Amino acid sequence: LPVGAPYLLHSVPEGNKAEAEYVVSRSDPPRADLVTVTGPGLGPVVVQQSTYVSIDTTFAGFGDIDLFVDGPTRTPVHCVDNRDGTLTVYYVPQTPGVYFLRVMFDNSHISGSPFQVLAVPTIVTSSLMADHDKTDFSFSSMSSGSPTSQTTPCVQ
C-alpha cells in the first residue's frame, strides 16, 4: 500500500454498514542522533528552583525516551508529553553541585548525553548570570535532530 494514501475501509459489523477513512503511515528506524534537547535545565541552574528541558523527537522515528538526572541528591523528574513529538521535562536540583542529565532514545544515548549541569546556590546566581555573556557554557544547549509524533513518558 502506498504510504500517505487515504483508504476507505468498509465494514459490516452485525449487518450494519460502516465506513471509515484511514491514512497509511510508516516510520523509519529510530534515530537517537536526530533528537534535540534545549532549555534552561541544561545549566547552569539554581538549587531548589524548578527548571526544565524540551526534548524534540519530531524527526527521529518511533522510540521510547528514558531520562535520568544523577547528582549529589536523588532528583525526580516530571515529564509532560506535548503530543506534538516533543516532551517537556521538569526537575528541581536540591543541593549545589554537578548533575548529569542522561537522555536516551530507544536505548541509545542521544548526542551530547550525558549533559553536565552545574547547580548553584541562589547567592552565586546573580554574579554567574552576569558573566554568562562572557563565558562559553558549551553544555547549556544541545542539538542533533528530532523524532516521533508519539512519545513515551520518561523513566526515572
Foldseek 3Di string as FASTA:
>chain_A
DDAQDKDWDWDQPPNRIDIDIDGHHDWDAFDLLAKWKAFPQLEQAEAQDKTKIKIFAQQGTDWEKAKAKDDPDHKDKDWDQPLARMIIIMIHHHDFDWIWIFIDTRNHTHPCHRQIYGYDYPVCVVVVVVCVVVDCPVRNTTGRRHRDSDYDTYDD
